[in-house]
C-alpha atoms as a PDB file:
ATOM      1  CA  UNK A   1      -0.037  -0.220   0.282  1.00  0.00           C
ATOM      2  CA  UNK A   2       1.583   3.486  -0.916  1.00  0.00           C
ATOM      3  CA  UNK A   3       1.518   5.788   1.876  1.00  0.00           C
ATOM      4  CA  UNK A   4       1.633   9.645   1.304  1.00  0.00           C
ATOM      5  CA  UNK A   5       2.689  12.159   3.660  1.00  0.00           C
ATOM      6  CA  UNK A   6       0.347  15.249   4.374  1.00  0.00           C
ATOM      7  CA  UNK A   7       2.544  17.452   2.483  1.00  0.00           C
ATOM      8  CA  UNK A   8       2.776  15.049  -0.804  1.00  0.00           C
ATOM      9  CA  UNK A   9      -0.855  14.870  -0.910  1.00  0.00           C
ATOM     10  CA  UNK A  10      -1.396  18.607  -0.551  1.00  0.00           C
ATOM     11  CA  UNK A  11       0.817  18.741  -3.717  1.00  0.00           C
ATOM     12  CA  UNK A  12      -1.182  16.162  -5.240  1.00  0.00           C
ATOM     13  CA  UNK A  13      -4.354  17.775  -4.572  1.00  0.00           C
ATOM     14  CA  UNK A  14      -3.259  21.671  -5.009  1.00  0.00           C
ATOM     15  CA  UNK A  15      -3.972  22.795  -1.473  1.00  0.00           C
ATOM     16  CA  UNK A  16      -1.900  23.559   1.399  1.00  0.00           C
ATOM     17  CA  UNK A  17      -0.649  20.983   4.173  1.00  0.00           C
ATOM     18  CA  UNK A  18      -3.309  22.831   6.653  1.00  0.00           C
ATOM     19  CA  UNK A  19      -6.393  21.995   4.222  1.00  0.00           C
ATOM     20  CA  UNK A  20      -5.113  18.566   3.965  1.00  0.00           C
ATOM     21  CA  UNK A  21      -5.427  18.329   7.700  1.00  0.00           C
ATOM     22  CA  UNK A  22      -8.773  19.667   7.541  1.00  0.00           C
ATOM     23  CA  UNK A  23     -10.000  17.330   5.192  1.00  0.00           C
ATOM     24  CA  UNK A  24      -8.734  14.939   7.442  1.00  0.00           C
ATOM     25  CA  UNK A  25     -10.505  16.148  10.377  1.00  0.00           C
ATOM     26  CA  UNK A  26     -13.693  16.886   8.319  1.00  0.00           C
ATOM     27  CA  UNK A  27     -13.558  12.977   7.202  1.00  0.00           C
ATOM     28  CA  UNK A  28     -13.038  13.692   3.821  1.00  0.00           C
ATOM     29  CA  UNK A  29      -9.834  11.895   3.905  1.00  0.00           C
ATOM     30  CA  UNK A  30      -8.663   9.454   6.581  1.00  0.00           C
ATOM     31  CA  UNK A  31      -4.911   9.608   8.226  1.00  0.00           C
ATOM     32  CA  UNK A  32      -3.050   6.516   9.223  1.00  0.00           C
ATOM     33  CA  UNK A  33       0.495   6.856  11.040  1.00  0.00           C
ATOM     34  CA  UNK A  34       3.528   5.515   9.624  1.00  0.00           C
ATOM     35  CA  UNK A  35       6.345   3.684  11.518  1.00  0.00           C
ATOM     36  CA  UNK A  36       7.763   7.102  11.901  1.00  0.00           C
ATOM     37  CA  UNK A  37       4.340   8.309  13.935  1.00  0.00           C
ATOM     38  CA  UNK A  38       3.963  10.657  10.824  1.00  0.00           C
ATOM     39  CA  UNK A  39       0.507  11.159   9.732  1.00  0.00           C
ATOM     40  CA  UNK A  40       0.073   9.726   6.200  1.00  0.00           C
ATOM     41  CA  UNK A  41      -2.844   9.149   3.683  1.00  0.00           C
ATOM     42  CA  UNK A  42      -3.290   5.777   1.476  1.00  0.00           C
ATOM     43  CA  UNK A  43      -2.368   6.509  -1.891  1.00  0.00           C
ATOM     44  CA  UNK A  44      -5.677   4.626  -3.132  1.00  0.00           C
ATOM     45  CA  UNK A  45      -7.665   6.793  -0.955  1.00  0.00           C
ATOM     46  CA  UNK A  46      -6.165  10.267  -2.144  1.00  0.00           C
ATOM     47  CA  UNK A  47      -6.474   8.745  -6.151  1.00  0.00           C
ATOM     48  CA  UNK A  48     -10.377   8.425  -5.197  1.00  0.00           C
ATOM     49  CA  UNK A  49     -10.440  11.681  -4.113  1.00  0.00           C
ATOM     50  CA  UNK A  50      -8.378  13.222  -6.727  1.00  0.00           C
ATOM     51  CA  UNK A  51     -10.947  11.588  -9.366  1.00  0.00           C
ATOM     52  CA  UNK A  52     -14.247  12.512  -7.524  1.00  0.00           C
ATOM     53  CA  UNK A  53     -12.964  16.273  -6.914  1.00  0.00           C
ATOM     54  CA  UNK A  54     -11.689  16.603 -10.650  1.00  0.00           C
ATOM     55  CA  UNK A  55     -13.163  18.929 -12.590  1.00  0.00           C
ATOM     56  CA  UNK A  56     -12.686  20.423 -16.006  1.00  0.00           C
ATOM     57  CA  UNK A  57     -14.118  23.640 -17.779  1.00  0.00           C
ATOM     58  CA  UNK A  58     -16.672  22.656 -20.252  1.00  0.00           C
ATOM     59  CA  UNK A  59     -15.374  21.721 -23.691  1.00  0.00           C
ATOM     60  CA  UNK A  60     -16.453  24.554 -25.979  1.00  0.00           C
ATOM     61  CA  UNK A  61     -16.369  22.170 -28.717  1.00  0.00           C
ATOM     62  CA  UNK A  62     -19.251  19.845 -27.437  1.00  0.00           C
ATOM     63  CA  UNK A  63     -18.808  17.297 -29.975  1.00  0.00           C
ATOM     64  CA  UNK A  64     -18.387  13.289 -29.848  1.00  0.00           C
ATOM     65  CA  UNK A  65     -14.921  11.869 -30.205  1.00  0.00           C
ATOM     66  CA  UNK A  66     -13.128   8.656 -29.558  1.00  0.00           C
ATOM     67  CA  UNK A  67     -10.330  10.406 -28.032  1.00  0.00           C
ATOM     68  CA  UNK A  68     -10.836  10.333 -23.809  1.00  0.00           C
ATOM     69  CA  UNK A  69      -7.841  12.576 -23.442  1.00  0.00           C
ATOM     70  CA  UNK A  70      -9.355  16.379 -23.947  1.00  0.00           C
ATOM     71  CA  UNK A  71      -7.506  19.444 -22.047  1.00  0.00           C
ATOM     72  CA  UNK A  72     -10.008  22.289 -21.986  1.00  0.00           C
ATOM     73  CA  UNK A  73      -7.215  25.371 -21.382  1.00  0.00           C
ATOM     74  CA  UNK A  74      -6.176  28.706 -22.619  1.00  0.00           C
ATOM     75  CA  UNK A  75      -3.972  29.626 -25.248  1.00  0.00           C
ATOM     76  CA  UNK A  76      -0.930  31.287 -23.691  1.00  0.00           C
ATOM     77  CA  UNK A  77       1.667  31.710 -26.673  1.00  0.00           C
ATOM     78  CA  UNK A  78       1.843  30.991 -30.119  1.00  0.00           C
ATOM     79  CA  UNK A  79       5.036  31.355 -32.521  1.00  0.00           C
ATOM     80  CA  UNK A  80       4.170  31.227 -35.899  1.00  0.00           C
ATOM     81  CA  UNK A  81       6.245  31.563 -39.323  1.00  0.00           C
ATOM     82  CA  UNK A  82       4.993  31.337 -42.641  1.00  0.00           C
ATOM     83  CA  UNK A  83       4.446  27.745 -42.459  1.00  0.00           C
ATOM     84  CA  UNK A  84       4.445  26.204 -39.194  1.00  0.00           C
ATOM     85  CA  UNK A  85       3.570  27.706 -35.390  1.00  0.00           C
ATOM     86  CA  UNK A  86       3.872  26.732 -31.971  1.00  0.00           C
ATOM     87  CA  UNK A  87       0.627  27.218 -29.728  1.00  0.00           C
ATOM     88  CA  UNK A  88       1.059  26.531 -25.871  1.00  0.00           C
ATOM     89  CA  UNK A  89      -2.208  25.863 -23.740  1.00  0.00           C
ATOM     90  CA  UNK A  90      -2.335  26.001 -20.222  1.00  0.00           C
ATOM     91  CA  UNK A  91      -4.969  23.349 -19.220  1.00  0.00           C
ATOM     92  CA  UNK A  92      -5.098  23.344 -15.336  1.00  0.00           C
ATOM     93  CA  UNK A  93      -1.556  22.775 -14.256  1.00  0.00           C
ATOM     94  CA  UNK A  94      -0.674  21.533 -17.097  1.00  0.00           C
ATOM     95  CA  UNK A  95       1.401  22.889 -19.979  1.00  0.00           C
ATOM     96  CA  UNK A  96       0.526  21.085 -23.721  1.00  0.00           C
ATOM     97  CA  UNK A  97       2.366  22.392 -26.418  1.00  0.00           C
ATOM     98  CA  UNK A  98       1.170  22.035 -30.030  1.00  0.00           C
ATOM     99  CA  UNK A  99       3.146  22.166 -33.531  1.00  0.00           C
ATOM    100  CA  UNK A 100       0.533  23.049 -36.718  1.00  0.00           C
ATOM    101  CA  UNK A 101       0.453  24.509 -39.738  1.00  0.00           C
ATOM    102  CA  UNK A 102       0.560  27.953 -39.502  1.00  0.00           C
ATOM    103  CA  UNK A 103      -2.915  27.991 -41.831  1.00  0.00           C
ATOM    104  CA  UNK A 104      -4.588  26.304 -39.175  1.00  0.00           C
ATOM    105  CA  UNK A 105      -3.786  28.793 -36.230  1.00  0.00           C
ATOM    106  CA  UNK A 106      -5.303  31.156 -38.428  1.00  0.00           C
ATOM    107  CA  UNK A 107      -8.008  29.374 -39.069  1.00  0.00           C
ATOM    108  CA  UNK A 108      -8.879  28.203 -35.732  1.00  0.00           C
ATOM    109  CA  UNK A 109      -8.088  32.048 -34.582  1.00  0.00           C
ATOM    110  CA  UNK A 110      -5.564  31.017 -32.019  1.00  0.00           C
ATOM    111  CA  UNK A 111      -4.069  33.652 -30.024  1.00  0.00           C
ATOM    112  CA  UNK A 112      -3.747  34.213 -26.197  1.00  0.00           C
ATOM    113  CA  UNK A 113      -6.144  34.311 -23.942  1.00  0.00           C
ATOM    114  CA  UNK A 114      -8.595  31.927 -26.698  1.00  0.00           C
ATOM    115  CA  UNK A 115     -10.106  28.745 -25.036  1.00  0.00           C
ATOM    116  CA  UNK A 116      -9.028  25.906 -26.901  1.00  0.00           C
ATOM    117  CA  UNK A 117      -9.094  22.341 -26.422  1.00  0.00           C
ATOM    118  CA  UNK A 118      -5.991  20.253 -26.371  1.00  0.00           C
ATOM    119  CA  UNK A 119      -7.203  16.334 -28.227  1.00  0.00           C
ATOM    120  CA  UNK A 120      -4.713  13.800 -27.753  1.00  0.00           C
ATOM    121  CA  UNK A 121      -5.224  10.336 -28.778  1.00  0.00           C
ATOM    122  CA  UNK A 122      -2.365   8.066 -28.471  1.00  0.00           C
ATOM    123  CA  UNK A 123      -1.681   4.367 -28.510  1.00  0.00           C
ATOM    124  CA  UNK A 124       1.926   4.938 -26.952  1.00  0.00           C
ATOM    125  CA  UNK A 125       1.655   6.550 -23.414  1.00  0.00           C
ATOM    126  CA  UNK A 126       4.913   6.060 -20.872  1.00  0.00           C
ATOM    127  CA  UNK A 127       4.466   6.036 -17.653  1.00  0.00           C
ATOM    128  CA  UNK A 128       7.396   6.382 -15.232  1.00  0.00           C
ATOM    129  CA  UNK A 129       7.868   6.264 -11.524  1.00  0.00           C
ATOM    130  CA  UNK A 130      10.609   7.403  -9.107  1.00  0.00           C
ATOM    131  CA  UNK A 131      11.277   3.365  -8.461  1.00  0.00           C
ATOM    132  CA  UNK A 132      14.176   1.573 -10.555  1.00  0.00           C
END
């Protein structure tokens, strides 16, 4: 069973350590004590809370799609030359960068501040951990 310290749980939730402690006090999360007597949160319980609390802005496209990875965000930067462009979006805590034609950028009217959705359909996704 993976156990996370209060500060680690706070980092995943995007809140302060004190907020996690209040979540434990209110019963939203439960804590255990590790072998050193420190309060820890069960990793699977934290994962369930993250999934429950996850919210994303409504996808403005409102289209049916087989792609499950749709990240709604704001365009933060567009670097464009005559043929190609690099478009950067901030989707919640995630920075997503896309390379596309300059023609597509103009057609979609992509510029800083525009709401856009990054759609990722991939059969090759790598997962890493800190373990060897």
